[in-house]
């Protein structure tokens, strides 16, 4: 298992990769950020083992939830790991779900009051909200 610890881990479907990249650019001057596309760090490891471990060892997990996100296998695996992690009574981890691409549905594991919307394609604003939340913990 990986020993790395991240401040922020981004969970997203490929369709939202541009948002994840933009967030990483805004957050990296202040935080250690994990993007699952950075396969060099995972080269030679089993992704089924490595990815959950990364999400479990991150201080905050940002979920970019869209219609594609809820249908795809890897984001579903990531979301289940993240939800289990934050459900642990001893956990101080943050799950920060973001509605993307007009997604207005619900996800069984995530309460309706926990979401923030990604509006007007404003990555800087979203990054500022994430930064604000991390600073309050």
C-alpha atoms as a PDB file:
ATOM      1  CA  UNK A   1       0.000   0.000   0.000  1.00  0.00           C
ATOM      2  CA  UNK A   2       1.101   3.580  -0.659  1.00  0.00           C
ATOM      3  CA  UNK A   3       2.408   5.630   2.245  1.00  0.00           C
ATOM      4  CA  UNK A   4       1.755   8.994   0.571  1.00  0.00           C
ATOM      5  CA  UNK A   5      -0.636  11.405   2.159  1.00  0.00           C
ATOM      6  CA  UNK A   6      -2.524  14.062   0.211  1.00  0.00           C
ATOM      7  CA  UNK A   7      -4.381  17.110   1.383  1.00  0.00           C
ATOM      8  CA  UNK A   8      -6.866  16.869  -1.479  1.00  0.00           C
ATOM      9  CA  UNK A   9      -7.771  13.920  -3.692  1.00  0.00           C
ATOM     10  CA  UNK A  10      -9.934  14.604  -6.731  1.00  0.00           C
ATOM     11  CA  UNK A  11     -12.474  12.008  -7.845  1.00  0.00           C
ATOM     12  CA  UNK A  12     -14.016  12.582 -11.264  1.00  0.00           C
ATOM     13  CA  UNK A  13     -15.129  10.992 -14.534  1.00  0.00           C
ATOM     14  CA  UNK A  14     -13.002  11.530 -17.618  1.00  0.00           C
ATOM     15  CA  UNK A  15     -15.522  14.030 -18.976  1.00  0.00           C
ATOM     16  CA  UNK A  16     -14.704  16.333 -16.050  1.00  0.00           C
ATOM     17  CA  UNK A  17     -10.932  15.988 -16.304  1.00  0.00           C
ATOM     18  CA  UNK A  18     -10.614  19.637 -17.405  1.00  0.00           C
ATOM     19  CA  UNK A  19     -12.232  20.746 -14.131  1.00  0.00           C
ATOM     20  CA  UNK A  20      -9.972  18.451 -12.088  1.00  0.00           C
ATOM     21  CA  UNK A  21      -6.863  19.772 -13.859  1.00  0.00           C
ATOM     22  CA  UNK A  22      -7.941  23.359 -13.285  1.00  0.00           C
ATOM     23  CA  UNK A  23      -8.628  22.718  -9.614  1.00  0.00           C
ATOM     24  CA  UNK A  24      -5.256  21.026  -9.215  1.00  0.00           C
ATOM     25  CA  UNK A  25      -3.515  24.059 -10.730  1.00  0.00           C
ATOM     26  CA  UNK A  26      -5.270  26.398  -8.291  1.00  0.00           C
ATOM     27  CA  UNK A  27      -4.806  24.189  -5.228  1.00  0.00           C
ATOM     28  CA  UNK A  28      -1.246  22.907  -5.707  1.00  0.00           C
ATOM     29  CA  UNK A  29       0.503  26.071  -4.523  1.00  0.00           C
ATOM     30  CA  UNK A  30      -1.101  25.422  -1.108  1.00  0.00           C
ATOM     31  CA  UNK A  31      -1.849  21.689  -0.934  1.00  0.00           C
ATOM     32  CA  UNK A  32      -0.659  18.261  -1.980  1.00  0.00           C
ATOM     33  CA  UNK A  33      -3.209  17.252  -4.618  1.00  0.00           C
ATOM     34  CA  UNK A  34      -3.810  13.837  -6.141  1.00  0.00           C
ATOM     35  CA  UNK A  35      -5.191  13.330  -9.655  1.00  0.00           C
ATOM     36  CA  UNK A  36      -5.705   9.711 -10.698  1.00  0.00           C
ATOM     37  CA  UNK A  37      -4.411  10.467 -14.182  1.00  0.00           C
ATOM     38  CA  UNK A  38      -0.904  10.812 -12.745  1.00  0.00           C
ATOM     39  CA  UNK A  39      -0.154   7.175 -13.457  1.00  0.00           C
ATOM     40  CA  UNK A  40       3.613   7.448 -13.049  1.00  0.00           C
ATOM     41  CA  UNK A  41       3.102   7.526  -9.287  1.00  0.00           C
ATOM     42  CA  UNK A  42       1.047   4.336  -9.559  1.00  0.00           C
ATOM     43  CA  UNK A  43       3.133   2.561 -12.168  1.00  0.00           C
ATOM     44  CA  UNK A  44       3.489  -1.115 -11.337  1.00  0.00           C
ATOM     45  CA  UNK A  45       0.819  -1.068  -8.643  1.00  0.00           C
ATOM     46  CA  UNK A  46      -2.616  -2.623  -8.654  1.00  0.00           C
ATOM     47  CA  UNK A  47      -5.046   0.260  -9.164  1.00  0.00           C
ATOM     48  CA  UNK A  48      -7.761  -1.661  -7.338  1.00  0.00           C
ATOM     49  CA  UNK A  49      -5.510  -1.488  -4.239  1.00  0.00           C
ATOM     50  CA  UNK A  50      -3.664   1.793  -4.780  1.00  0.00           C
ATOM     51  CA  UNK A  51      -6.576   4.134  -5.532  1.00  0.00           C
ATOM     52  CA  UNK A  52      -8.682   3.290  -2.474  1.00  0.00           C
ATOM     53  CA  UNK A  53      -5.588   3.647  -0.298  1.00  0.00           C
ATOM     54  CA  UNK A  54      -4.925   7.120  -1.700  1.00  0.00           C
ATOM     55  CA  UNK A  55      -8.488   8.257  -1.008  1.00  0.00           C
ATOM     56  CA  UNK A  56      -8.326   6.752   2.483  1.00  0.00           C
ATOM     57  CA  UNK A  57      -5.097   8.668   3.221  1.00  0.00           C
ATOM     58  CA  UNK A  58      -6.327  12.046   1.981  1.00  0.00           C
ATOM     59  CA  UNK A  59      -7.498  14.828   4.251  1.00  0.00           C
ATOM     60  CA  UNK A  60     -10.263  15.894   1.861  1.00  0.00           C
ATOM     61  CA  UNK A  61     -11.847  14.228  -1.150  1.00  0.00           C
ATOM     62  CA  UNK A  62     -13.511  16.392  -3.770  1.00  0.00           C
ATOM     63  CA  UNK A  63     -16.079  14.482  -5.830  1.00  0.00           C
ATOM     64  CA  UNK A  64     -16.954  16.074  -9.186  1.00  0.00           C
ATOM     65  CA  UNK A  65     -20.326  14.388  -9.595  1.00  0.00           C
ATOM     66  CA  UNK A  66     -21.968  14.386 -13.014  1.00  0.00           C
ATOM     67  CA  UNK A  67     -24.223  11.991 -14.895  1.00  0.00           C
ATOM     68  CA  UNK A  68     -21.095  10.273 -16.242  1.00  0.00           C
ATOM     69  CA  UNK A  69     -19.548  10.088 -12.757  1.00  0.00           C
ATOM     70  CA  UNK A  70     -22.408   8.076 -11.294  1.00  0.00           C
ATOM     71  CA  UNK A  71     -22.423   5.622 -14.228  1.00  0.00           C
ATOM     72  CA  UNK A  72     -18.712   4.779 -14.413  1.00  0.00           C
ATOM     73  CA  UNK A  73     -16.925   1.971 -12.595  1.00  0.00           C
ATOM     74  CA  UNK A  74     -13.822   3.782 -11.246  1.00  0.00           C
ATOM     75  CA  UNK A  75     -15.614   6.845  -9.896  1.00  0.00           C
ATOM     76  CA  UNK A  76     -18.147   4.511  -8.248  1.00  0.00           C
ATOM     77  CA  UNK A  77     -15.320   2.585  -6.561  1.00  0.00           C
ATOM     78  CA  UNK A  78     -13.723   5.855  -5.432  1.00  0.00           C
ATOM     79  CA  UNK A  79     -17.033   7.241  -4.138  1.00  0.00           C
ATOM     80  CA  UNK A  80     -17.746   4.096  -2.116  1.00  0.00           C
ATOM     81  CA  UNK A  81     -14.308   4.236  -0.496  1.00  0.00           C
ATOM     82  CA  UNK A  82     -14.712   7.941   0.290  1.00  0.00           C
ATOM     83  CA  UNK A  83     -18.220   7.531   1.737  1.00  0.00           C
ATOM     84  CA  UNK A  84     -17.072   4.618   3.912  1.00  0.00           C
ATOM     85  CA  UNK A  85     -14.123   6.682   5.117  1.00  0.00           C
ATOM     86  CA  UNK A  86     -16.169   9.722   6.164  1.00  0.00           C
ATOM     87  CA  UNK A  87     -18.848   7.501   7.727  1.00  0.00           C
ATOM     88  CA  UNK A  88     -16.324   6.179  10.238  1.00  0.00           C
ATOM     89  CA  UNK A  89     -17.103   7.755  13.608  1.00  0.00           C
ATOM     90  CA  UNK A  90     -13.398   8.433  14.229  1.00  0.00           C
ATOM     91  CA  UNK A  91     -12.787  10.054  10.857  1.00  0.00           C
ATOM     92  CA  UNK A  92     -12.069  13.750  10.496  1.00  0.00           C
ATOM     93  CA  UNK A  93     -11.916  13.449   6.723  1.00  0.00           C
ATOM     94  CA  UNK A  94     -13.889  15.757   4.497  1.00  0.00           C
ATOM     95  CA  UNK A  95     -16.057  14.697   1.574  1.00  0.00           C
ATOM     96  CA  UNK A  96     -16.745  17.697  -0.661  1.00  0.00           C
ATOM     97  CA  UNK A  97     -19.271  16.734  -3.366  1.00  0.00           C
ATOM     98  CA  UNK A  98     -19.733  19.134  -6.270  1.00  0.00           C
ATOM     99  CA  UNK A  99     -22.614  19.028  -8.773  1.00  0.00           C
ATOM    100  CA  UNK A 100     -21.180  19.242 -12.290  1.00  0.00           C
ATOM    101  CA  UNK A 101     -22.661  19.481 -15.772  1.00  0.00           C
ATOM    102  CA  UNK A 102     -26.214  20.112 -14.730  1.00  0.00           C
ATOM    103  CA  UNK A 103     -26.348  17.043 -12.487  1.00  0.00           C
ATOM    104  CA  UNK A 104     -29.352  17.594 -10.277  1.00  0.00           C
ATOM    105  CA  UNK A 105     -29.908  14.078  -9.059  1.00  0.00           C
ATOM    106  CA  UNK A 106     -29.105  12.510  -5.769  1.00  0.00           C
ATOM    107  CA  UNK A 107     -26.594   9.884  -4.829  1.00  0.00           C
ATOM    108  CA  UNK A 108     -27.741   7.494  -2.111  1.00  0.00           C
ATOM    109  CA  UNK A 109     -24.580   7.864  -0.062  1.00  0.00           C
ATOM    110  CA  UNK A 110     -24.478  11.678  -0.127  1.00  0.00           C
ATOM    111  CA  UNK A 111     -27.014  13.809   1.728  1.00  0.00           C
ATOM    112  CA  UNK A 112     -28.781  16.588  -0.145  1.00  0.00           C
ATOM    113  CA  UNK A 113     -27.354  19.272   2.151  1.00  0.00           C
ATOM    114  CA  UNK A 114     -23.716  18.425   1.428  1.00  0.00           C
ATOM    115  CA  UNK A 115     -23.455  19.600  -2.181  1.00  0.00           C
ATOM    116  CA  UNK A 116     -22.100  22.721  -3.758  1.00  0.00           C
ATOM    117  CA  UNK A 117     -22.745  23.516  -7.429  1.00  0.00           C
ATOM    118  CA  UNK A 118     -20.096  24.136 -10.052  1.00  0.00           C
ATOM    119  CA  UNK A 119     -21.554  27.222 -11.667  1.00  0.00           C
ATOM    120  CA  UNK A 120     -20.527  29.298 -14.634  1.00  0.00           C
ATOM    121  CA  UNK A 121     -17.479  27.085 -15.217  1.00  0.00           C
ATOM    122  CA  UNK A 122     -15.666  29.131 -12.571  1.00  0.00           C
ATOM    123  CA  UNK A 123     -12.805  26.902 -11.450  1.00  0.00           C
ATOM    124  CA  UNK A 124     -11.122  29.679  -9.458  1.00  0.00           C
ATOM    125  CA  UNK A 125     -14.291  30.176  -7.392  1.00  0.00           C
ATOM    126  CA  UNK A 126     -14.611  26.437  -6.741  1.00  0.00           C
ATOM    127  CA  UNK A 127     -10.942  26.225  -5.743  1.00  0.00           C
ATOM    128  CA  UNK A 128     -11.467  29.155  -3.354  1.00  0.00           C
ATOM    129  CA  UNK A 129     -14.431  27.368  -1.749  1.00  0.00           C
ATOM    130  CA  UNK A 130     -12.342  24.220  -1.275  1.00  0.00           C
ATOM    131  CA  UNK A 131      -9.481  26.274   0.187  1.00  0.00           C
ATOM    132  CA  UNK A 132     -11.918  28.040   2.532  1.00  0.00           C
ATOM    133  CA  UNK A 133     -13.302  24.701   3.739  1.00  0.00           C
ATOM    134  CA  UNK A 134      -9.847  23.224   4.315  1.00  0.00           C
ATOM    135  CA  UNK A 135      -8.787  26.274   6.290  1.00  0.00           C
ATOM    136  CA  UNK A 136     -11.811  25.926   8.596  1.00  0.00           C
ATOM    137  CA  UNK A 137     -10.752  22.463   9.810  1.00  0.00           C
END
